[in-house]
Amino acid sequence: MSFSKLAFPILFVVVGGLGTAVAGQQAAAPPPGPGLDLINERCGFCHSTAQVTSVRKTPGAWAATVQSMIDRGAELEPDEQKIMVEYLAANLAAAGGDAAAQP
């Protein structure tokens, strides 16, 4: 058997294994609660819940992001905004309070 005939199956297994390893490193689903309900109801018009919950930000950056989304047309009452920001800050905070601090 030639090298090229062996290389493809080996490459297929290696790449498939990498996909499984990467999938295993994904963050756990955020916990249920009123904040997640609001994210599912209000953010899904423009992007998926997974897009929101895959990001980690500082509490201040989450507040700025939510305000930015409201400025762009997201419909949230002030009390709902507070619930959402508190949920995001508590459950999707940046490690060490630093990285991903941009809105």
Protein backbone atom coordinates (compact mmCIF):
# COMPACT_ATOMS: atom_id res chain seq x y z
CA MET A 1 0.00 0.00 0.00
CA SER A 2 1.35 3.43 -0.90
CA PHE A 3 1.90 6.26 1.52
CA SER A 4 -0.93 8.34 0.05
CA LYS A 5 -3.42 5.51 0.58
CA LEU A 6 -2.40 5.31 4.23
CA ALA A 7 -2.17 9.04 4.81
CA PHE A 8 -5.83 9.82 4.13
CA PRO A 9 -7.31 7.39 6.70
CA ILE A 10 -4.75 8.47 9.29
CA LEU A 11 -5.45 12.14 8.63
CA PHE A 12 -9.20 11.46 8.87
CA VAL A 13 -8.78 9.85 12.30
CA VAL A 14 -6.47 12.61 13.57
CA VAL A 15 -8.75 15.43 12.38
CA GLY A 16 -11.81 13.64 13.74
CA GLY A 17 -10.06 13.22 17.08
CA LEU A 18 -9.18 16.92 17.18
CA GLY A 19 -12.81 17.82 16.59
CA THR A 20 -13.84 15.63 19.49
CA ALA A 21 -11.16 17.12 21.72
CA VAL A 22 -12.21 20.67 20.87
CA ALA A 23 -15.88 19.83 21.40
CA GLY A 24 -14.99 18.43 24.82
CA GLN A 25 -13.44 21.77 25.80
CA GLN A 26 -16.59 23.80 25.18
CA ALA A 27 -18.00 25.59 28.18
CA ALA A 28 -20.91 24.06 30.00
CA ALA A 29 -24.35 25.46 29.30
CA PRO A 30 -25.16 28.46 31.48
CA PRO A 31 -27.55 27.79 34.35
CA PRO A 32 -31.26 28.44 33.88
CA GLY A 33 -32.82 31.53 35.32
CA PRO A 34 -34.68 34.73 34.46
CA GLY A 35 -31.54 36.24 32.90
CA LEU A 36 -31.13 33.30 30.52
CA ASP A 37 -34.83 33.46 29.69
CA LEU A 38 -34.41 37.11 28.71
CA ILE A 39 -31.33 36.29 26.62
CA ASN A 40 -33.27 33.56 24.81
CA GLU A 41 -36.27 35.84 24.25
CA ARG A 42 -34.61 39.16 23.40
CA CYS A 43 -31.18 38.42 21.95
CA GLY A 44 -32.19 35.66 19.56
CA PHE A 45 -33.56 38.08 16.99
CA CYS A 46 -30.04 39.07 15.97
CA HIS A 47 -27.83 36.20 17.15
CA SER A 48 -27.95 32.80 18.77
CA THR A 49 -27.94 32.23 22.50
CA ALA A 50 -24.72 30.27 22.03
CA GLN A 51 -23.11 33.36 20.51
CA VAL A 52 -23.97 35.31 23.65
CA THR A 53 -23.04 32.62 26.15
CA SER A 54 -19.71 31.75 24.51
CA VAL A 55 -18.26 35.14 25.48
CA ARG A 56 -16.70 36.06 28.81
CA LYS A 57 -16.57 39.70 29.93
CA THR A 58 -16.14 41.74 33.06
CA PRO A 59 -19.34 42.95 34.78
CA GLY A 60 -18.74 46.46 33.46
CA ALA A 61 -18.21 45.18 29.93
CA TRP A 62 -21.45 43.15 30.13
CA ALA A 63 -23.32 46.26 31.25
CA ALA A 64 -21.85 48.21 28.33
CA THR A 65 -22.67 45.41 25.89
CA VAL A 66 -26.29 45.17 27.01
CA GLN A 67 -26.63 48.96 26.80
CA SER A 68 -25.11 48.87 23.32
CA MET A 69 -27.65 46.26 22.24
CA ILE A 70 -30.48 48.40 23.64
CA ASP A 71 -29.08 51.38 21.72
CA ARG A 72 -29.24 49.21 18.60
CA GLY A 73 -32.86 48.26 19.16
CA ALA A 74 -33.01 45.43 21.69
CA GLU A 75 -36.19 45.81 23.69
CA LEU A 76 -35.50 45.60 27.41
CA GLU A 77 -37.19 47.43 30.24
CA PRO A 78 -34.81 48.87 32.88
CA ASP A 79 -35.64 46.08 35.35
CA GLU A 80 -35.04 43.46 32.63
CA GLN A 81 -31.74 45.11 31.75
CA LYS A 82 -30.65 44.83 35.37
CA ILE A 83 -31.66 41.15 35.52
CA MET A 84 -29.77 40.38 32.31
CA VAL A 85 -26.59 42.23 33.30
CA GLU A 86 -26.57 40.59 36.75
CA TYR A 87 -27.05 37.16 35.15
CA LEU A 88 -24.28 37.70 32.59
CA ALA A 89 -21.87 39.09 35.19
CA ALA A 90 -22.55 36.21 37.59
CA ASN A 91 -22.46 33.37 35.06
CA LEU A 92 -20.32 34.54 32.13
CA ALA A 93 -17.61 36.60 33.80
CA ALA A 94 -14.13 36.95 32.34
CA ALA A 95 -11.50 34.94 34.18
CA GLY A 96 -9.67 37.20 36.58
CA GLY A 97 -11.91 40.11 35.66
CA ASP A 98 -9.75 41.10 32.71
CA ALA A 99 -10.00 39.62 29.22
CA ALA A 100 -12.78 40.31 26.74
CA ALA A 101 -13.68 43.62 28.33
CA GLN A 102 -14.85 45.20 25.09
CA PRO A 103 -18.56 45.66 24.36
